[in-house]
């Protein structure tokens, strides 16, 4: 199926399942002003990021897609500084940002064989990353207090019609008789786990912890996705792409190290003020 159409079917199934599950959880979608604002903020990730990801995935291997999404913590941190007034990381973290950006530049410069097509794919995925990060930051800023599952369904209510409008405008409809079994099973899997379960889990942890900590989850993905893509999708990485990926991950590692140093310093400061030893767990819960 064309990416746009498969995305619309995926979200439609997720929306129908979500609406059916809401009564079982004794929850409902609120339509107060802050709640609606949070649904539109969430739809930046549900509609904007997914649309751009589906487009870019046609031209970029899955391993590189995950590496590009690995810079989410950096983008989120920068947006949080300007929108939420959260402090910037230590100098080591700033160096890590520069190193990761150098890796991105290397990805653009190291494209081989596919010319502007691959460049368009990478640019599309970077746009998806921006939408994903901005969505999380805006949700934190709005802070509507909407539970995670109604937030998920609300985002689907906003995003699903937008996909169908684009299908109508681009004439991308595919008759059900042409749907392959593989496509149907793939979309069903993404509807249940990629959208409904995955987004619910994401909004849940976003409500429970700091936005930068949540964004660090994406650092786990590249380490697995690159090798899974090579093992199961017959994907290959050129030397320059491999080097660029390592550079991005190295920069992200420096970024994490800077955050750990800052956390350790705050723990030491807390201990000095109170005169008691502060365990890492106790210090973390206090923050």
Protein backbone atom coordinates (compact mmCIF):
# COMPACT_ATOMS: atom_id res chain seq x y z
CA UNK A 1 0.00 0.00 0.00
CA UNK A 2 1.07 3.60 -0.50
CA UNK A 3 2.47 5.04 2.75
CA UNK A 4 -0.25 7.68 3.07
CA UNK A 5 -3.07 5.17 2.71
CA UNK A 6 -1.53 2.60 5.03
CA UNK A 7 -1.06 5.32 7.65
CA UNK A 8 -4.72 6.32 7.40
CA UNK A 9 -5.92 2.73 7.78
CA UNK A 10 -3.56 2.22 10.72
CA UNK A 11 -4.87 5.26 12.60
CA UNK A 12 -8.50 4.41 11.80
CA UNK A 13 -8.14 0.95 13.33
CA UNK A 14 -6.36 2.45 16.35
CA UNK A 15 -9.13 5.03 16.80
CA UNK A 16 -11.91 2.42 16.66
CA UNK A 17 -10.08 0.21 19.18
CA UNK A 18 -9.40 3.19 21.43
CA UNK A 19 -13.02 4.33 21.45
CA UNK A 20 -14.11 0.77 22.29
CA UNK A 21 -11.61 0.47 25.16
CA UNK A 22 -12.40 3.84 26.81
CA UNK A 23 -15.64 2.64 28.52
CA UNK A 24 -13.81 -0.41 29.85
CA UNK A 25 -11.34 1.93 31.56
CA UNK A 26 -14.21 4.16 32.74
CA UNK A 27 -12.59 7.12 31.01
CA UNK A 28 -13.72 9.53 28.33
CA UNK A 29 -12.29 12.14 26.01
CA UNK A 30 -12.75 15.61 27.46
CA UNK A 31 -13.28 18.61 25.20
CA UNK A 32 -12.27 21.44 27.48
CA UNK A 33 -10.00 24.08 26.00
CA UNK A 34 -6.76 22.76 27.62
CA UNK A 35 -7.68 19.18 26.70
CA UNK A 36 -8.29 20.05 23.04
CA UNK A 37 -5.01 21.96 22.97
CA UNK A 38 -3.23 18.87 24.28
CA UNK A 39 -4.86 16.70 21.58
CA UNK A 40 -3.61 19.01 18.84
CA UNK A 41 -0.16 19.09 20.45
CA UNK A 42 -0.13 15.29 20.53
CA UNK A 43 -1.27 15.15 16.90
CA UNK A 44 2.02 16.80 15.88
CA UNK A 45 3.61 13.48 16.76
CA UNK A 46 0.70 11.32 15.62
CA UNK A 47 0.04 13.01 12.28
CA UNK A 48 3.03 15.22 11.43
CA UNK A 49 5.83 12.93 12.57
CA UNK A 50 4.20 9.76 11.24
CA UNK A 51 3.40 11.26 7.85
CA UNK A 52 6.98 12.46 7.36
CA UNK A 53 8.39 9.18 8.68
CA UNK A 54 6.28 7.12 6.26
CA UNK A 55 7.53 9.26 3.39
CA UNK A 56 11.18 9.21 4.42
CA UNK A 57 11.18 5.48 5.16
CA UNK A 58 10.81 4.80 1.44
CA UNK A 59 14.32 6.13 0.80
CA UNK A 60 16.30 5.52 4.01
CA UNK A 61 17.22 2.16 5.64
CA UNK A 62 15.54 1.42 8.96
CA UNK A 63 18.88 1.52 10.80
CA UNK A 64 19.56 5.10 9.69
CA UNK A 65 15.97 6.06 10.51
CA UNK A 66 16.53 5.01 14.11
CA UNK A 67 19.85 6.86 14.26
CA UNK A 68 18.18 10.04 13.04
CA UNK A 69 15.51 9.66 15.72
CA UNK A 70 18.35 9.16 18.19
CA UNK A 71 18.98 12.90 18.16
CA UNK A 72 15.56 13.44 19.75
CA UNK A 73 17.07 14.23 23.19
CA UNK A 74 19.15 17.05 21.73
CA UNK A 75 16.27 18.61 19.81
CA UNK A 76 13.97 18.19 22.80
CA UNK A 77 16.53 19.79 25.12
CA UNK A 78 16.92 22.82 22.86
CA UNK A 79 13.15 23.25 22.54
CA UNK A 80 12.71 22.81 26.31
CA UNK A 81 15.25 25.58 26.91
CA UNK A 82 13.33 28.08 24.78
CA UNK A 83 9.76 26.96 25.50
CA UNK A 84 9.92 25.56 29.05
CA UNK A 85 12.97 27.55 30.26
CA UNK A 86 14.75 24.37 31.34
CA UNK A 87 18.53 24.78 31.84
CA UNK A 88 21.02 23.75 29.18
CA UNK A 89 23.45 20.88 29.87
CA UNK A 90 27.04 21.24 30.98
CA UNK A 91 29.83 22.04 28.47
CA UNK A 92 30.36 18.33 27.78
CA UNK A 93 26.72 18.06 26.75
CA UNK A 94 27.06 21.03 24.42
CA UNK A 95 30.11 19.43 22.82
CA UNK A 96 28.02 16.30 22.38
CA UNK A 97 25.41 18.32 20.51
CA UNK A 98 28.06 19.65 18.13
CA UNK A 99 29.48 16.13 17.57
CA UNK A 100 26.03 14.74 16.77
CA UNK A 101 25.29 17.58 14.36
CA UNK A 102 28.61 16.83 12.61
CA UNK A 103 27.40 13.27 12.23
CA UNK A 104 24.19 14.51 10.62
CA UNK A 105 26.18 16.63 8.19
CA UNK A 106 28.21 13.52 7.34
CA UNK A 107 24.97 11.65 6.63
CA UNK A 108 23.97 14.29 4.09
CA UNK A 109 27.44 14.38 2.55
CA UNK A 110 27.78 10.58 2.50
CA UNK A 111 24.68 9.72 0.51
CA UNK A 112 25.56 7.36 -2.32
CA UNK A 113 23.84 6.27 -5.47
CA UNK A 114 20.42 7.79 -4.90
CA UNK A 115 21.16 11.50 -5.24
CA UNK A 116 18.47 13.89 -4.07
CA UNK A 117 16.04 11.06 -3.34
CA UNK A 118 17.94 9.97 -0.25
CA UNK A 119 18.49 13.60 0.73
CA UNK A 120 14.74 14.15 0.59
CA UNK A 121 14.23 11.10 2.75
CA UNK A 122 16.69 12.28 5.40
CA UNK A 123 15.21 15.79 5.39
CA UNK A 124 11.73 14.30 5.81
CA UNK A 125 12.87 12.22 8.79
CA UNK A 126 14.50 15.24 10.41
CA UNK A 127 11.20 17.06 10.01
CA UNK A 128 9.47 14.13 11.70
CA UNK A 129 11.96 14.38 14.54
CA UNK A 130 11.20 18.06 14.99
CA UNK A 131 7.44 17.36 15.08
CA UNK A 132 7.95 14.55 17.59
CA UNK A 133 10.04 16.69 19.94
CA UNK A 134 7.82 19.76 19.64
CA UNK A 135 4.76 17.62 20.40
CA UNK A 136 6.28 16.41 23.69
CA UNK A 137 7.41 19.89 24.75
CA UNK A 138 4.01 21.44 24.04
CA UNK A 139 2.24 18.68 25.96
CA UNK A 140 4.42 19.47 28.96
CA UNK A 141 3.76 23.20 28.60
CA UNK A 142 -0.02 22.84 28.27
CA UNK A 143 -0.17 20.34 31.16
CA UNK A 144 -3.91 19.80 30.76
CA UNK A 145 -4.01 16.93 33.26
CA UNK A 146 -5.69 14.60 30.75
CA UNK A 147 -5.01 10.88 31.48
CA UNK A 148 -2.70 9.09 28.99
CA UNK A 149 -5.29 6.92 27.25
CA UNK A 150 -7.81 9.72 26.54
CA UNK A 151 -4.84 11.77 25.30
CA UNK A 152 -4.03 8.93 22.89
CA UNK A 153 -7.62 8.74 21.62
CA UNK A 154 -7.86 12.53 21.39
CA UNK A 155 -4.71 12.64 19.25
CA UNK A 156 -6.23 9.96 17.01
CA UNK A 157 -9.48 11.94 16.70
CA UNK A 158 -7.49 14.91 15.37
CA UNK A 159 -5.00 12.97 13.22
CA UNK A 160 -7.16 10.33 11.51
CA UNK A 161 -9.44 12.72 9.55
CA UNK A 162 -6.36 14.71 8.47
CA UNK A 163 -4.93 11.58 6.85
CA UNK A 164 -8.17 10.84 4.98
CA UNK A 165 -8.38 14.43 3.73
CA UNK A 166 -4.87 14.06 2.26
CA UNK A 167 -5.87 10.77 0.64
CA UNK A 168 -8.86 12.45 -0.97
CA UNK A 169 -6.73 15.35 -2.22
CA UNK A 170 -3.98 13.07 -3.59
CA UNK A 171 -6.28 10.29 -4.86
CA UNK A 172 -4.30 7.69 -2.88
CA UNK A 173 -7.16 5.32 -2.09
CA UNK A 174 -6.49 1.60 -2.58
CA UNK A 175 -9.40 -0.82 -2.95
CA UNK A 176 -9.56 -3.50 -0.21
CA UNK A 177 -9.40 -6.23 -2.87
CA UNK A 178 -5.80 -5.14 -3.58
CA UNK A 179 -4.63 -5.33 0.03
CA UNK A 180 -2.07 -8.11 0.47
CA UNK A 181 -2.16 -10.31 3.57
CA UNK A 182 1.30 -9.06 4.55
CA UNK A 183 0.11 -5.45 4.41
CA UNK A 184 -2.99 -6.22 6.43
CA UNK A 185 -1.06 -8.01 9.18
CA UNK A 186 1.58 -5.27 9.27
CA UNK A 187 -1.01 -2.50 9.60
CA UNK A 188 -2.92 -4.44 12.27
CA UNK A 189 0.28 -4.87 14.27
CA UNK A 190 1.15 -1.16 13.98
CA UNK A 191 -2.41 -0.14 14.85
CA UNK A 192 -2.41 -2.11 18.07
CA UNK A 193 1.19 -1.86 19.27
CA UNK A 194 2.73 1.03 17.33
CA UNK A 195 -0.11 3.48 17.83
CA UNK A 196 -2.49 2.48 20.62
CA UNK A 197 -0.17 0.71 23.08
CA UNK A 198 2.99 2.61 22.13
CA UNK A 199 1.47 6.08 22.33
CA UNK A 200 -0.35 5.28 25.57
CA UNK A 201 2.92 4.13 27.15
CA UNK A 202 4.70 7.23 25.84
CA UNK A 203 2.10 9.67 27.19
CA UNK A 204 2.08 7.76 30.49
CA UNK A 205 5.82 8.10 31.13
CA UNK A 206 5.76 11.67 29.79
CA UNK A 207 3.31 12.55 32.56
CA UNK A 208 5.41 10.81 35.21
CA UNK A 209 8.96 12.00 34.51
CA UNK A 210 11.00 14.79 32.92
CA UNK A 211 10.75 15.39 29.21
CA UNK A 212 14.49 14.99 28.62
CA UNK A 213 14.52 11.64 30.41
CA UNK A 214 11.65 10.40 28.25
CA UNK A 215 13.42 11.46 25.07
CA UNK A 216 16.48 9.40 26.06
CA UNK A 217 14.45 6.24 25.37
CA UNK A 218 15.13 6.79 21.67
CA UNK A 219 18.84 6.21 22.29
CA UNK A 220 18.18 2.51 22.79
CA UNK A 221 16.61 2.08 19.37
CA UNK A 222 19.59 2.72 17.02
CA UNK A 223 21.78 0.11 18.68
CA UNK A 224 19.27 -2.61 17.89
CA UNK A 225 17.64 -1.32 14.71
CA UNK A 226 20.84 -1.06 12.66
CA UNK A 227 21.69 -4.72 13.19
CA UNK A 228 18.10 -5.94 12.93
CA UNK A 229 17.82 -4.14 9.59
CA UNK A 230 21.00 -5.80 8.36
CA UNK A 231 19.92 -9.24 9.63
CA UNK A 232 16.30 -9.30 8.49
CA UNK A 233 15.88 -6.58 5.81
CA UNK A 234 19.08 -7.25 3.85
CA UNK A 235 20.09 -3.64 4.44
CA UNK A 236 23.64 -2.38 4.12
CA UNK A 237 25.47 0.68 5.39
CA UNK A 238 28.22 2.40 3.46
CA UNK A 239 31.45 3.25 5.24
CA UNK A 240 30.56 6.94 5.43
CA UNK A 241 27.08 6.19 6.74
CA UNK A 242 28.50 3.85 9.39
CA UNK A 243 31.01 6.48 10.48
CA UNK A 244 28.30 9.15 10.60
CA UNK A 245 26.08 6.88 12.71
CA UNK A 246 28.90 6.22 15.17
CA UNK A 247 29.58 9.97 15.36
CA UNK A 248 25.95 10.72 16.18
CA UNK A 249 25.87 8.05 18.88
CA UNK A 250 29.17 9.29 20.32
CA UNK A 251 27.75 12.80 20.63
CA UNK A 252 24.65 11.44 22.32
CA UNK A 253 26.84 9.49 24.73
CA UNK A 254 28.61 12.73 25.70
CA UNK A 255 25.22 14.36 26.19
CA UNK A 256 24.14 11.59 28.59
CA UNK A 257 27.45 11.77 30.46
CA UNK A 258 26.95 15.51 31.00
CA UNK A 259 23.47 14.92 32.42
CA UNK A 260 24.82 12.25 34.77
CA UNK A 261 27.52 14.64 35.99
CA UNK A 262 24.91 17.34 36.62
CA UNK A 263 22.75 14.85 38.51
CA UNK A 264 25.71 13.74 40.65
CA UNK A 265 26.57 17.37 41.42
CA UNK A 266 23.01 18.12 42.55
CA UNK A 267 23.06 15.03 44.76
CA UNK A 268 26.33 16.17 46.36
CA UNK A 269 24.95 19.66 46.87
CA UNK A 270 21.82 18.26 48.54
CA UNK A 271 24.02 16.20 50.85
CA UNK A 272 26.11 19.24 51.74
CA UNK A 273 23.05 21.33 52.59
CA UNK A 274 21.36 18.73 54.77
CA UNK A 275 24.56 17.30 56.23
CA UNK A 276 23.33 13.78 55.42
CA UNK A 277 24.43 11.34 52.76
CA UNK A 278 21.93 11.28 49.96
CA UNK A 279 21.55 8.01 48.08
CA UNK A 280 21.11 8.15 44.31
CA UNK A 281 17.56 6.82 44.60
CA UNK A 282 16.58 9.30 47.27
CA UNK A 283 18.16 12.17 45.38
CA UNK A 284 16.46 11.18 42.15
CA UNK A 285 13.05 11.00 43.79
CA UNK A 286 13.59 14.38 45.38
CA UNK A 287 14.22 15.93 41.99
